[in-house]
Amino acid sequence: MNVELLSVERLCFCAFEIFMLCSFFQSMFQRRVGKKKFAAYFMAMTVFVFLENSFGNTVLNLLLIPFMCILFSVMAFRISFR
């Protein structure tokens, strides 16, 4: 079975995953940054998830993706840990 790990479809799925994360947090929190910086964070996170998924390593996914999603959420939204 030949699975293409670097494809446009996978990039679109990664962007949709980050979009769902953003829409979830936007319903509860205000954005911390402006539109341009938020778009830059969004694109950087999408590329990071896409490149990390291209390795095809499940353990790496389980370790890095939650950490990066938390980091992205804290940087982009006004989230308090209290």
N, C-alpha and C. Protein backbone atom coordinates (compact mmCIF):
# COMPACT_ATOMS: atom_id res chain seq x y z
N MET A 1 0.84 -1.17 0.00
CA MET A 1 0.00 0.00 0.00
C MET A 1 0.89 1.24 0.00
N ASN A 2 0.74 2.07 -1.00
CA ASN A 2 1.55 3.28 -1.14
C ASN A 2 0.72 4.48 -0.69
N VAL A 3 1.09 5.06 0.43
CA VAL A 3 0.38 6.21 0.97
C VAL A 3 1.24 7.44 0.73
N GLU A 4 0.66 8.43 0.08
CA GLU A 4 1.38 9.67 -0.19
C GLU A 4 1.30 10.57 1.05
N LEU A 5 2.43 10.76 1.72
CA LEU A 5 2.44 11.55 2.95
C LEU A 5 2.57 13.05 2.68
N LEU A 6 3.10 13.43 1.53
CA LEU A 6 3.21 14.84 1.17
C LEU A 6 2.26 15.11 0.02
N SER A 7 1.04 15.52 0.34
CA SER A 7 0.05 15.79 -0.69
C SER A 7 -0.76 17.01 -0.31
N VAL A 8 -1.43 17.57 -1.29
CA VAL A 8 -2.25 18.76 -1.06
C VAL A 8 -3.44 18.42 -0.18
N GLU A 9 -3.98 17.21 -0.34
CA GLU A 9 -5.12 16.81 0.48
C GLU A 9 -4.75 16.77 1.96
N ARG A 10 -3.59 16.24 2.27
CA ARG A 10 -3.15 16.19 3.67
C ARG A 10 -2.92 17.59 4.22
N LEU A 11 -2.40 18.49 3.39
CA LEU A 11 -2.20 19.87 3.82
C LEU A 11 -3.55 20.52 4.12
N CYS A 12 -4.54 20.26 3.29
CA CYS A 12 -5.89 20.79 3.53
C CYS A 12 -6.49 20.23 4.81
N PHE A 13 -6.28 18.95 5.08
CA PHE A 13 -6.77 18.36 6.32
C PHE A 13 -6.09 18.97 7.53
N CYS A 14 -4.80 19.25 7.43
CA CYS A 14 -4.08 19.89 8.54
C CYS A 14 -4.62 21.31 8.77
N ALA A 15 -4.86 22.05 7.70
CA ALA A 15 -5.41 23.40 7.83
C ALA A 15 -6.81 23.34 8.45
N PHE A 16 -7.61 22.35 8.06
CA PHE A 16 -8.95 22.20 8.63
C PHE A 16 -8.88 21.84 10.11
N GLU A 17 -7.92 21.03 10.48
CA GLU A 17 -7.75 20.68 11.89
C GLU A 17 -7.42 21.91 12.73
N ILE A 18 -6.54 22.76 12.25
CA ILE A 18 -6.19 23.98 12.97
C ILE A 18 -7.37 24.95 12.96
N PHE A 19 -8.12 24.99 11.87
CA PHE A 19 -9.32 25.83 11.81
C PHE A 19 -10.34 25.40 12.86
N MET A 20 -10.53 24.10 13.04
CA MET A 20 -11.46 23.61 14.06
C MET A 20 -10.98 23.98 15.46
N LEU A 21 -9.67 23.90 15.69
CA LEU A 21 -9.11 24.31 16.98
C LEU A 21 -9.38 25.79 17.22
N CYS A 22 -9.17 26.61 16.20
CA CYS A 22 -9.40 28.05 16.32
C CYS A 22 -10.86 28.37 16.56
N SER A 23 -11.75 27.73 15.83
CA SER A 23 -13.17 28.02 16.00
C SER A 23 -13.65 27.58 17.38
N PHE A 24 -13.09 26.51 17.91
CA PHE A 24 -13.44 26.08 19.27
C PHE A 24 -13.02 27.13 20.29
N PHE A 25 -11.79 27.62 20.21
CA PHE A 25 -11.30 28.59 21.18
C PHE A 25 -11.89 29.97 20.97
N GLN A 26 -12.23 30.35 19.74
CA GLN A 26 -12.82 31.66 19.49
C GLN A 26 -14.21 31.77 20.10
N SER A 27 -14.88 30.66 20.31
CA SER A 27 -16.20 30.72 20.93
C SER A 27 -16.11 31.01 22.42
N MET A 28 -14.94 30.81 23.03
CA MET A 28 -14.79 31.03 24.46
C MET A 28 -13.85 32.16 24.83
N PHE A 29 -12.84 32.44 24.00
CA PHE A 29 -11.81 33.41 24.35
C PHE A 29 -11.64 34.44 23.24
N GLN A 30 -11.13 35.62 23.63
CA GLN A 30 -10.80 36.65 22.65
C GLN A 30 -9.41 36.39 22.11
N ARG A 31 -9.19 36.86 20.88
CA ARG A 31 -7.85 36.73 20.32
C ARG A 31 -6.90 37.70 20.97
N ARG A 32 -5.69 37.28 21.16
CA ARG A 32 -4.65 38.09 21.79
C ARG A 32 -3.92 38.95 20.76
N VAL A 33 -3.88 38.51 19.52
CA VAL A 33 -3.10 39.17 18.49
C VAL A 33 -4.02 39.68 17.38
N GLY A 34 -3.47 40.51 16.50
CA GLY A 34 -4.23 41.03 15.37
C GLY A 34 -4.42 39.99 14.28
N LYS A 35 -5.12 40.41 13.23
CA LYS A 35 -5.47 39.48 12.16
C LYS A 35 -4.25 38.97 11.40
N LYS A 36 -3.30 39.85 11.11
CA LYS A 36 -2.12 39.43 10.35
C LYS A 36 -1.25 38.45 11.14
N LYS A 37 -1.05 38.76 12.41
CA LYS A 37 -0.23 37.87 13.24
C LYS A 37 -0.95 36.54 13.47
N PHE A 38 -2.28 36.60 13.63
CA PHE A 38 -3.06 35.38 13.80
C PHE A 38 -2.97 34.52 12.55
N ALA A 39 -3.04 35.14 11.38
CA ALA A 39 -2.91 34.40 10.12
C ALA A 39 -1.53 33.78 10.00
N ALA A 40 -0.50 34.50 10.44
CA ALA A 40 0.86 33.95 10.41
C ALA A 40 0.98 32.76 11.36
N TYR A 41 0.42 32.88 12.57
CA TYR A 41 0.42 31.75 13.51
C TYR A 41 -0.33 30.55 12.93
N PHE A 42 -1.47 30.83 12.30
CA PHE A 42 -2.30 29.78 11.71
C PHE A 42 -1.52 29.04 10.62
N MET A 43 -0.88 29.79 9.73
CA MET A 43 -0.12 29.15 8.64
C MET A 43 1.08 28.39 9.18
N ALA A 44 1.76 28.95 10.17
CA ALA A 44 2.93 28.27 10.74
C ALA A 44 2.51 26.97 11.42
N MET A 45 1.42 27.01 12.15
CA MET A 45 0.94 25.79 12.82
C MET A 45 0.50 24.76 11.80
N THR A 46 -0.16 25.18 10.73
CA THR A 46 -0.59 24.26 9.69
C THR A 46 0.62 23.58 9.03
N VAL A 47 1.64 24.35 8.71
CA VAL A 47 2.84 23.78 8.10
C VAL A 47 3.54 22.85 9.08
N PHE A 48 3.60 23.23 10.36
CA PHE A 48 4.24 22.38 11.36
C PHE A 48 3.53 21.03 11.46
N VAL A 49 2.20 21.06 11.55
CA VAL A 49 1.43 19.82 11.67
C VAL A 49 1.61 18.98 10.40
N PHE A 50 1.60 19.63 9.25
CA PHE A 50 1.77 18.91 7.99
C PHE A 50 3.14 18.23 7.92
N LEU A 51 4.19 18.96 8.26
CA LEU A 51 5.54 18.38 8.21
C LEU A 51 5.73 17.29 9.26
N GLU A 52 5.15 17.51 10.43
CA GLU A 52 5.28 16.50 11.48
C GLU A 52 4.52 15.22 11.11
N ASN A 53 3.37 15.37 10.48
CA ASN A 53 2.61 14.20 10.04
C ASN A 53 3.27 13.48 8.87
N SER A 54 4.08 14.19 8.11
CA SER A 54 4.73 13.57 6.95
C SER A 54 5.77 12.52 7.36
N PHE A 55 6.23 12.56 8.61
CA PHE A 55 7.14 11.52 9.08
C PHE A 55 6.43 10.18 9.25
N GLY A 56 5.14 10.21 9.52
CA GLY A 56 4.37 8.98 9.66
C GLY A 56 4.67 8.22 10.94
N ASN A 57 5.12 8.93 11.95
CA ASN A 57 5.48 8.30 13.22
C ASN A 57 4.40 8.62 14.26
N THR A 58 3.71 7.61 14.74
CA THR A 58 2.61 7.80 15.68
C THR A 58 3.08 8.36 17.02
N VAL A 59 4.19 7.89 17.52
CA VAL A 59 4.71 8.35 18.81
C VAL A 59 5.06 9.84 18.72
N LEU A 60 5.66 10.24 17.63
CA LEU A 60 5.99 11.65 17.43
C LEU A 60 4.73 12.50 17.39
N ASN A 61 3.68 12.00 16.74
CA ASN A 61 2.39 12.71 16.72
C ASN A 61 1.83 12.87 18.12
N LEU A 62 1.85 11.80 18.90
CA LEU A 62 1.29 11.86 20.25
C LEU A 62 2.07 12.78 21.17
N LEU A 63 3.34 12.95 20.93
CA LEU A 63 4.16 13.81 21.78
C LEU A 63 4.13 15.27 21.37
N LEU A 64 4.20 15.55 20.08
CA LEU A 64 4.38 16.93 19.63
C LEU A 64 3.09 17.68 19.33
N ILE A 65 2.10 17.04 18.76
CA ILE A 65 0.89 17.74 18.33
C ILE A 65 0.16 18.38 19.52
N PRO A 66 -0.10 17.68 20.62
CA PRO A 66 -0.78 18.35 21.75
C PRO A 66 0.03 19.52 22.31
N PHE A 67 1.34 19.35 22.41
CA PHE A 67 2.19 20.42 22.92
C PHE A 67 2.11 21.65 22.02
N MET A 68 2.18 21.45 20.71
CA MET A 68 2.13 22.58 19.78
C MET A 68 0.74 23.21 19.74
N CYS A 69 -0.31 22.44 19.88
CA CYS A 69 -1.67 23.00 19.92
C CYS A 69 -1.86 23.86 21.17
N ILE A 70 -1.34 23.42 22.29
CA ILE A 70 -1.43 24.21 23.52
C ILE A 70 -0.62 25.50 23.37
N LEU A 71 0.57 25.41 22.82
CA LEU A 71 1.40 26.58 22.61
C LEU A 71 0.73 27.57 21.66
N PHE A 72 0.16 27.08 20.57
CA PHE A 72 -0.55 27.93 19.63
C PHE A 72 -1.74 28.61 20.30
N SER A 73 -2.50 27.87 21.09
CA SER A 73 -3.68 28.42 21.74
C SER A 73 -3.31 29.51 22.74
N VAL A 74 -2.25 29.29 23.50
CA VAL A 74 -1.82 30.28 24.48
C VAL A 74 -1.29 31.54 23.79
N MET A 75 -0.58 31.37 22.68
CA MET A 75 -0.04 32.52 21.96
C MET A 75 -1.13 33.31 21.24
N ALA A 76 -2.15 32.66 20.73
CA ALA A 76 -3.13 33.32 19.89
C ALA A 76 -4.36 33.82 20.65
N PHE A 77 -4.69 33.24 21.79
CA PHE A 77 -5.90 33.60 22.52
C PHE A 77 -5.57 34.02 23.95
N ARG A 78 -6.46 34.82 24.52
CA ARG A 78 -6.30 35.26 25.91
C ARG A 78 -6.81 34.15 26.83
N ILE A 79 -5.92 33.23 27.13
CA ILE A 79 -6.27 32.07 27.95
C ILE A 79 -5.57 32.21 29.29
N SER A 80 -6.34 32.04 30.33
CA SER A 80 -5.79 32.08 31.69
C SER A 80 -5.78 30.65 32.23
N PHE A 81 -4.76 30.30 32.96
CA PHE A 81 -4.66 28.96 33.53
C PHE A 81 -5.27 28.90 34.93
N ARG A 82 -5.88 29.98 35.37
CA ARG A 82 -6.52 29.99 36.68
C ARG A 82 -7.92 29.49 36.61
